């Protein structure tokens, strides 16, 4: 059975959650226990051949001043995806998101479209794509990724988990498209500089880029950001 997307998107309320959960899927991220509950991701196919990702959670919550008793992280991620897309950053498109309480415990779903033709930098490096790209194209890719992160940070958003596996690229000849995924830990920051330093220090630690490649990323970032960020070039 495939997802009849047009019909599903017309359903509202708790019935929608039940209908989405009835669709068969394959685990790409087995349910893991954290944040007091479980969260996992499955692939789901639509009847017209499109690939969707279904994040399903039980008791998996975050807490902040608005929700001191907890609220599903999937719904926080939905809000982040929509806000960051509005900043001009390419992120997965939200198809459906919903939550409910069952016997006092939160259940939540987040359905997003796949990024067709994209691969994470982690996957690209594992395949050796950087050798096929050549250094000049590789640095252009990193510049565009830096620019995407700059637009996110300039909008007061912090990604919070900026690893190569969450930076996606699609390279067709000389044409480059980039995207960011996994915004579950994303949050608004009062200070743009604070958001910038957190994400860029994390990217620096988690990447295996050479000094020249790191400078390319920083160049793209600072060009889009409109100013230099102290300490990035070291």
C-alpha atoms as a PDB file:
ATOM      1  CA  UNK A   1       0.000   0.000   0.000  1.00  0.00           C
ATOM      2  CA  UNK A   2       1.305   3.430  -0.974  1.00  0.00           C
ATOM      3  CA  UNK A   3       0.459   6.831   0.459  1.00  0.00           C
ATOM      4  CA  UNK A   4      -2.377   8.581  -1.365  1.00  0.00           C
ATOM      5  CA  UNK A   5      -0.944  12.002  -0.636  1.00  0.00           C
ATOM      6  CA  UNK A   6      -3.866  14.069  -1.940  1.00  0.00           C
ATOM      7  CA  UNK A   7      -6.360  12.182   0.221  1.00  0.00           C
ATOM      8  CA  UNK A   8      -4.175  12.170   3.316  1.00  0.00           C
ATOM      9  CA  UNK A   9      -3.624  15.914   3.195  1.00  0.00           C
ATOM     10  CA  UNK A  10      -7.385  16.473   3.380  1.00  0.00           C
ATOM     11  CA  UNK A  11      -7.671  14.628   6.700  1.00  0.00           C
ATOM     12  CA  UNK A  12      -7.367  16.626   9.915  1.00  0.00           C
ATOM     13  CA  UNK A  13      -7.192  15.968  13.634  1.00  0.00           C
ATOM     14  CA  UNK A  14      -6.241  12.690  15.264  1.00  0.00           C
ATOM     15  CA  UNK A  15      -7.605  10.727  12.309  1.00  0.00           C
ATOM     16  CA  UNK A  16      -4.714  12.046  10.237  1.00  0.00           C
ATOM     17  CA  UNK A  17      -2.150  10.680  12.694  1.00  0.00           C
ATOM     18  CA  UNK A  18      -3.795   7.254  12.627  1.00  0.00           C
ATOM     19  CA  UNK A  19      -3.928   7.204   8.829  1.00  0.00           C
ATOM     20  CA  UNK A  20      -0.277   8.208   8.451  1.00  0.00           C
ATOM     21  CA  UNK A  21       0.757   5.550  10.963  1.00  0.00           C
ATOM     22  CA  UNK A  22      -1.121   2.870   9.014  1.00  0.00           C
ATOM     23  CA  UNK A  23       1.120   3.327   5.974  1.00  0.00           C
ATOM     24  CA  UNK A  24       3.894   0.744   5.652  1.00  0.00           C
ATOM     25  CA  UNK A  25       7.442   2.034   5.838  1.00  0.00           C
ATOM     26  CA  UNK A  26      11.050   0.914   6.206  1.00  0.00           C
ATOM     27  CA  UNK A  27      13.235   2.047   9.066  1.00  0.00           C
ATOM     28  CA  UNK A  28      16.154   4.280   8.164  1.00  0.00           C
ATOM     29  CA  UNK A  29      16.690   5.249  11.794  1.00  0.00           C
ATOM     30  CA  UNK A  30      15.542   2.622  14.274  1.00  0.00           C
ATOM     31  CA  UNK A  31      13.660   3.989  17.286  1.00  0.00           C
ATOM     32  CA  UNK A  32      16.075   5.134  19.946  1.00  0.00           C
ATOM     33  CA  UNK A  33      15.399   6.137  23.517  1.00  0.00           C
ATOM     34  CA  UNK A  34      16.268   9.682  24.529  1.00  0.00           C
ATOM     35  CA  UNK A  35      14.557  12.793  25.877  1.00  0.00           C
ATOM     36  CA  UNK A  36      12.364  10.547  27.979  1.00  0.00           C
ATOM     37  CA  UNK A  37      10.844   8.661  25.036  1.00  0.00           C
ATOM     38  CA  UNK A  38      11.403   7.076  21.623  1.00  0.00           C
ATOM     39  CA  UNK A  39      12.023   8.552  18.182  1.00  0.00           C
ATOM     40  CA  UNK A  40      12.647   6.882  14.833  1.00  0.00           C
ATOM     41  CA  UNK A  41      12.394   7.554  11.095  1.00  0.00           C
ATOM     42  CA  UNK A  42      10.875   5.477   8.290  1.00  0.00           C
ATOM     43  CA  UNK A  43      10.773   5.819   4.505  1.00  0.00           C
ATOM     44  CA  UNK A  44       7.271   5.909   3.012  1.00  0.00           C
ATOM     45  CA  UNK A  45       6.384   5.846  -0.715  1.00  0.00           C
ATOM     46  CA  UNK A  46       3.479   7.801  -2.208  1.00  0.00           C
ATOM     47  CA  UNK A  47       1.250   6.359  -4.900  1.00  0.00           C
ATOM     48  CA  UNK A  48       2.945   8.597  -7.484  1.00  0.00           C
ATOM     49  CA  UNK A  49       6.409   7.345  -6.557  1.00  0.00           C
ATOM     50  CA  UNK A  50       7.582  10.142  -4.282  1.00  0.00           C
ATOM     51  CA  UNK A  51       9.689   9.314  -1.247  1.00  0.00           C
ATOM     52  CA  UNK A  52       8.716  10.708   2.148  1.00  0.00           C
ATOM     53  CA  UNK A  53      10.307  10.440   5.576  1.00  0.00           C
ATOM     54  CA  UNK A  54       8.080   9.776   8.589  1.00  0.00           C
ATOM     55  CA  UNK A  55       9.535  10.728  11.964  1.00  0.00           C
ATOM     56  CA  UNK A  56       7.430   9.087  14.671  1.00  0.00           C
ATOM     57  CA  UNK A  57       7.804   9.776  18.352  1.00  0.00           C
ATOM     58  CA  UNK A  58       6.347   8.646  21.661  1.00  0.00           C
ATOM     59  CA  UNK A  59       7.150  10.655  24.773  1.00  0.00           C
ATOM     60  CA  UNK A  60      10.053  12.377  23.001  1.00  0.00           C
ATOM     61  CA  UNK A  61       9.832  15.957  24.284  1.00  0.00           C
ATOM     62  CA  UNK A  62      11.734  19.188  24.754  1.00  0.00           C
ATOM     63  CA  UNK A  63      11.147  21.738  27.494  1.00  0.00           C
ATOM     64  CA  UNK A  64      11.361  25.514  27.392  1.00  0.00           C
ATOM     65  CA  UNK A  65       9.700  28.503  29.032  1.00  0.00           C
ATOM     66  CA  UNK A  66       6.595  28.054  26.866  1.00  0.00           C
ATOM     67  CA  UNK A  67       6.342  24.313  27.529  1.00  0.00           C
ATOM     68  CA  UNK A  68       7.843  23.627  30.973  1.00  0.00           C
ATOM     69  CA  UNK A  69       6.175  20.202  31.099  1.00  0.00           C
ATOM     70  CA  UNK A  70       7.411  19.166  27.668  1.00  0.00           C
ATOM     71  CA  UNK A  71       6.304  19.330  24.038  1.00  0.00           C
ATOM     72  CA  UNK A  72       7.140  16.995  21.100  1.00  0.00           C
ATOM     73  CA  UNK A  73      10.472  17.725  19.443  1.00  0.00           C
ATOM     74  CA  UNK A  74       8.912  16.820  16.077  1.00  0.00           C
ATOM     75  CA  UNK A  75       6.606  19.831  16.324  1.00  0.00           C
ATOM     76  CA  UNK A  76       9.484  22.098  17.290  1.00  0.00           C
ATOM     77  CA  UNK A  77      11.333  20.790  14.215  1.00  0.00           C
ATOM     78  CA  UNK A  78       8.302  21.523  12.019  1.00  0.00           C
ATOM     79  CA  UNK A  79       8.286  25.128  13.215  1.00  0.00           C
ATOM     80  CA  UNK A  80      12.029  25.435  12.600  1.00  0.00           C
ATOM     81  CA  UNK A  81      11.788  23.987   9.082  1.00  0.00           C
ATOM     82  CA  UNK A  82       9.087  26.446   8.086  1.00  0.00           C
ATOM     83  CA  UNK A  83      10.851  29.459   9.600  1.00  0.00           C
ATOM     84  CA  UNK A  84      14.241  28.588   8.126  1.00  0.00           C
ATOM     85  CA  UNK A  85      12.782  27.932   4.662  1.00  0.00           C
ATOM     86  CA  UNK A  86      11.312  31.450   4.839  1.00  0.00           C
ATOM     87  CA  UNK A  87      14.890  32.745   5.284  1.00  0.00           C
ATOM     88  CA  UNK A  88      15.836  31.324   1.879  1.00  0.00           C
ATOM     89  CA  UNK A  89      17.604  28.230   3.201  1.00  0.00           C
ATOM     90  CA  UNK A  90      16.846  24.967   1.392  1.00  0.00           C
ATOM     91  CA  UNK A  91      15.449  22.445   3.899  1.00  0.00           C
ATOM     92  CA  UNK A  92      13.068  19.463   3.584  1.00  0.00           C
ATOM     93  CA  UNK A  93       9.467  20.421   2.817  1.00  0.00           C
ATOM     94  CA  UNK A  94       6.946  19.621   5.547  1.00  0.00           C
ATOM     95  CA  UNK A  95       4.056  17.483   4.267  1.00  0.00           C
ATOM     96  CA  UNK A  96       2.328  16.854   7.588  1.00  0.00           C
ATOM     97  CA  UNK A  97       2.963  17.322  11.297  1.00  0.00           C
ATOM     98  CA  UNK A  98       0.705  16.512  14.195  1.00  0.00           C
ATOM     99  CA  UNK A  99       0.682  15.470  17.828  1.00  0.00           C
ATOM    100  CA  UNK A 100      -1.670  14.215  20.504  1.00  0.00           C
ATOM    101  CA  UNK A 101      -1.644  12.924  24.059  1.00  0.00           C
ATOM    102  CA  UNK A 102      -2.553   9.293  24.691  1.00  0.00           C
ATOM    103  CA  UNK A 103      -2.837   8.215  28.335  1.00  0.00           C
ATOM    104  CA  UNK A 104      -0.887  11.323  29.317  1.00  0.00           C
ATOM    105  CA  UNK A 105       1.990  10.695  26.895  1.00  0.00           C
ATOM    106  CA  UNK A 106       2.795  12.707  23.766  1.00  0.00           C
ATOM    107  CA  UNK A 107       2.697  11.053  20.345  1.00  0.00           C
ATOM    108  CA  UNK A 108       3.944  13.016  17.344  1.00  0.00           C
ATOM    109  CA  UNK A 109       4.534  12.649  13.619  1.00  0.00           C
ATOM    110  CA  UNK A 110       6.555  14.758  11.195  1.00  0.00           C
ATOM    111  CA  UNK A 111       6.334  13.893   7.487  1.00  0.00           C
ATOM    112  CA  UNK A 112       8.787  15.540   5.086  1.00  0.00           C
ATOM    113  CA  UNK A 113       9.648  15.176   1.416  1.00  0.00           C
ATOM    114  CA  UNK A 114      12.967  13.623   0.484  1.00  0.00           C
ATOM    115  CA  UNK A 115      15.671  15.789  -1.052  1.00  0.00           C
ATOM    116  CA  UNK A 116      15.783  14.008  -4.406  1.00  0.00           C
ATOM    117  CA  UNK A 117      19.226  13.762  -5.938  1.00  0.00           C
ATOM    118  CA  UNK A 118      20.982  15.060  -2.827  1.00  0.00           C
ATOM    119  CA  UNK A 119      23.546  13.284  -0.662  1.00  0.00           C
ATOM    120  CA  UNK A 120      25.065  14.269   2.643  1.00  0.00           C
ATOM    121  CA  UNK A 121      28.664  15.446   2.646  1.00  0.00           C
ATOM    122  CA  UNK A 122      29.394  12.409   4.806  1.00  0.00           C
ATOM    123  CA  UNK A 123      28.067  10.097   2.077  1.00  0.00           C
ATOM    124  CA  UNK A 124      29.883  12.044  -0.640  1.00  0.00           C
ATOM    125  CA  UNK A 125      33.210  11.754   1.141  1.00  0.00           C
ATOM    126  CA  UNK A 126      32.666   8.042   1.817  1.00  0.00           C
ATOM    127  CA  UNK A 127      32.167   7.513  -1.947  1.00  0.00           C
ATOM    128  CA  UNK A 128      35.205   9.607  -2.800  1.00  0.00           C
ATOM    129  CA  UNK A 129      33.150  12.220  -4.656  1.00  0.00           C
ATOM    130  CA  UNK A 130      35.641  14.937  -3.732  1.00  0.00           C
ATOM    131  CA  UNK A 131      38.178  13.297  -6.074  1.00  0.00           C
ATOM    132  CA  UNK A 132      35.685  13.455  -8.942  1.00  0.00           C
ATOM    133  CA  UNK A 133      34.754  17.042  -8.132  1.00  0.00           C
ATOM    134  CA  UNK A 134      38.277  18.393  -8.016  1.00  0.00           C
ATOM    135  CA  UNK A 135      39.425  20.960  -5.464  1.00  0.00           C
ATOM    136  CA  UNK A 136      37.977  24.044  -7.187  1.00  0.00           C
ATOM    137  CA  UNK A 137      34.450  22.604  -7.344  1.00  0.00           C
ATOM    138  CA  UNK A 138      34.782  21.196  -3.827  1.00  0.00           C
ATOM    139  CA  UNK A 139      35.569  24.666  -2.486  1.00  0.00           C
ATOM    140  CA  UNK A 140      32.599  26.170  -4.374  1.00  0.00           C
ATOM    141  CA  UNK A 141      30.354  23.591  -2.702  1.00  0.00           C
ATOM    142  CA  UNK A 142      31.710  24.552   0.712  1.00  0.00           C
ATOM    143  CA  UNK A 143      31.214  28.237  -0.057  1.00  0.00           C
ATOM    144  CA  UNK A 144      27.543  27.620  -0.838  1.00  0.00           C
ATOM    145  CA  UNK A 145      27.112  25.584   2.335  1.00  0.00           C
ATOM    146  CA  UNK A 146      28.710  28.395   4.311  1.00  0.00           C
ATOM    147  CA  UNK A 147      26.298  30.877   2.740  1.00  0.00           C
ATOM    148  CA  UNK A 148      23.303  28.688   3.677  1.00  0.00           C
ATOM    149  CA  UNK A 149      24.415  28.520   7.310  1.00  0.00           C
ATOM    150  CA  UNK A 150      24.956  32.297   7.311  1.00  0.00           C
ATOM    151  CA  UNK A 151      21.374  32.945   6.185  1.00  0.00           C
ATOM    152  CA  UNK A 152      20.131  30.643   8.945  1.00  0.00           C
ATOM    153  CA  UNK A 153      22.221  32.348  11.637  1.00  0.00           C
ATOM    154  CA  UNK A 154      21.433  35.861  10.379  1.00  0.00           C
ATOM    155  CA  UNK A 155      17.776  35.030  11.006  1.00  0.00           C
ATOM    156  CA  UNK A 156      18.657  34.330  14.673  1.00  0.00           C
ATOM    157  CA  UNK A 157      18.454  30.550  14.176  1.00  0.00           C
ATOM    158  CA  UNK A 158      21.039  28.094  15.458  1.00  0.00           C
ATOM    159  CA  UNK A 159      21.142  24.705  13.746  1.00  0.00           C
ATOM    160  CA  UNK A 160      22.529  23.004  16.828  1.00  0.00           C
ATOM    161  CA  UNK A 161      23.805  19.846  15.120  1.00  0.00           C
ATOM    162  CA  UNK A 162      25.877  21.052  12.169  1.00  0.00           C
ATOM    163  CA  UNK A 163      27.713  17.887  11.130  1.00  0.00           C
ATOM    164  CA  UNK A 164      28.680  16.777   7.579  1.00  0.00           C
ATOM    165  CA  UNK A 165      25.866  14.202   7.673  1.00  0.00           C
ATOM    166  CA  UNK A 166      23.376  17.080   7.977  1.00  0.00           C
ATOM    167  CA  UNK A 167      24.831  19.173   5.109  1.00  0.00           C
ATOM    168  CA  UNK A 168      23.358  17.986   1.815  1.00  0.00           C
ATOM    169  CA  UNK A 169      24.569  18.664  -1.725  1.00  0.00           C
ATOM    170  CA  UNK A 170      23.443  17.950  -5.268  1.00  0.00           C
ATOM    171  CA  UNK A 171      26.062  18.400  -7.968  1.00  0.00           C
ATOM    172  CA  UNK A 172      25.112  18.201 -11.642  1.00  0.00           C
ATOM    173  CA  UNK A 173      28.094  19.196 -13.756  1.00  0.00           C
ATOM    174  CA  UNK A 174      28.973  22.694 -12.565  1.00  0.00           C
ATOM    175  CA  UNK A 175      25.550  23.295 -10.990  1.00  0.00           C
ATOM    176  CA  UNK A 176      25.492  23.083  -7.188  1.00  0.00           C
ATOM    177  CA  UNK A 177      22.500  22.938  -4.850  1.00  0.00           C
ATOM    178  CA  UNK A 178      22.830  22.662  -1.075  1.00  0.00           C
ATOM    179  CA  UNK A 179      20.435  21.976   1.791  1.00  0.00           C
ATOM    180  CA  UNK A 180      20.441  21.495   5.553  1.00  0.00           C
ATOM    181  CA  UNK A 181      18.560  18.732   7.362  1.00  0.00           C
ATOM    182  CA  UNK A 182      17.838  17.508  10.902  1.00  0.00           C
ATOM    183  CA  UNK A 183      16.587  20.705  12.502  1.00  0.00           C
ATOM    184  CA  UNK A 184      15.360  18.905  15.615  1.00  0.00           C
ATOM    185  CA  UNK A 185      17.818  20.788  17.804  1.00  0.00           C
ATOM    186  CA  UNK A 186      17.415  24.119  15.997  1.00  0.00           C
ATOM    187  CA  UNK A 187      16.344  27.050  18.119  1.00  0.00           C
ATOM    188  CA  UNK A 188      16.037  30.790  17.990  1.00  0.00           C
ATOM    189  CA  UNK A 189      18.801  32.771  19.668  1.00  0.00           C
ATOM    190  CA  UNK A 190      18.580  36.358  20.846  1.00  0.00           C
ATOM    191  CA  UNK A 191      22.192  36.952  19.752  1.00  0.00           C
ATOM    192  CA  UNK A 192      23.087  36.350  16.099  1.00  0.00           C
ATOM    193  CA  UNK A 193      26.753  36.175  17.047  1.00  0.00           C
ATOM    194  CA  UNK A 194      26.052  33.486  19.632  1.00  0.00           C
ATOM    195  CA  UNK A 195      24.181  31.356  17.076  1.00  0.00           C
ATOM    196  CA  UNK A 196      26.979  31.848  14.555  1.00  0.00           C
ATOM    197  CA  UNK A 197      29.797  30.928  16.920  1.00  0.00           C
ATOM    198  CA  UNK A 198      28.029  27.785  18.137  1.00  0.00           C
ATOM    199  CA  UNK A 199      27.296  26.412  14.667  1.00  0.00           C
ATOM    200  CA  UNK A 200      30.616  27.314  13.110  1.00  0.00           C
ATOM    201  CA  UNK A 201      32.714  25.987  15.962  1.00  0.00           C
ATOM    202  CA  UNK A 202      30.713  22.763  15.752  1.00  0.00           C
ATOM    203  CA  UNK A 203      31.209  22.527  11.968  1.00  0.00           C
ATOM    204  CA  UNK A 204      34.936  23.118  12.416  1.00  0.00           C
ATOM    205  CA  UNK A 205      35.260  20.352  15.011  1.00  0.00           C
ATOM    206  CA  UNK A 206      33.172  17.808  13.113  1.00  0.00           C
ATOM    207  CA  UNK A 207      34.590  18.285   9.620  1.00  0.00           C
ATOM    208  CA  UNK A 208      37.822  16.915   8.179  1.00  0.00           C
ATOM    209  CA  UNK A 209      38.349  19.861   5.843  1.00  0.00           C
ATOM    210  CA  UNK A 210      41.802  21.161   5.048  1.00  0.00           C
ATOM    211  CA  UNK A 211      42.690  24.742   5.960  1.00  0.00           C
ATOM    212  CA  UNK A 212      41.955  25.841   2.377  1.00  0.00           C
ATOM    213  CA  UNK A 213      38.564  24.117   2.450  1.00  0.00           C
ATOM    214  CA  UNK A 214      37.679  25.634   5.806  1.00  0.00           C
ATOM    215  CA  UNK A 215      38.602  29.086   4.457  1.00  0.00           C
ATOM    216  CA  UNK A 216      36.284  28.456   1.483  1.00  0.00           C
ATOM    217  CA  UNK A 217      33.416  27.645   3.859  1.00  0.00           C
ATOM    218  CA  UNK A 218      34.158  30.751   5.939  1.00  0.00           C
ATOM    219  CA  UNK A 219      34.409  32.918   2.810  1.00  0.00           C
ATOM    220  CA  UNK A 220      30.949  31.793   1.692  1.00  0.00           C
ATOM    221  CA  UNK A 221      29.615  32.348   5.191  1.00  0.00           C
ATOM    222  CA  UNK A 222      31.031  35.821   5.685  1.00  0.00           C
ATOM    223  CA  UNK A 223      30.063  36.955   2.179  1.00  0.00           C
ATOM    224  CA  UNK A 224      26.422  36.019   2.814  1.00  0.00           C
ATOM    225  CA  UNK A 225      26.488  37.181   6.438  1.00  0.00           C
ATOM    226  CA  UNK A 226      27.849  40.584   5.456  1.00  0.00           C
ATOM    227  CA  UNK A 227      30.653  40.760   7.997  1.00  0.00           C
ATOM    228  CA  UNK A 228      33.485  38.758   9.495  1.00  0.00           C
ATOM    229  CA  UNK A 229      32.987  36.548  12.541  1.00  0.00           C
ATOM    230  CA  UNK A 230      35.888  36.875  14.974  1.00  0.00           C
ATOM    231  CA  UNK A 231      38.085  33.799  15.255  1.00  0.00           C
ATOM    232  CA  UNK A 232      36.671  31.831  12.301  1.00  0.00           C
ATOM    233  CA  UNK A 233      39.758  31.896  10.148  1.00  0.00           C
ATOM    234  CA  UNK A 234      42.012  30.282  12.709  1.00  0.00           C
END
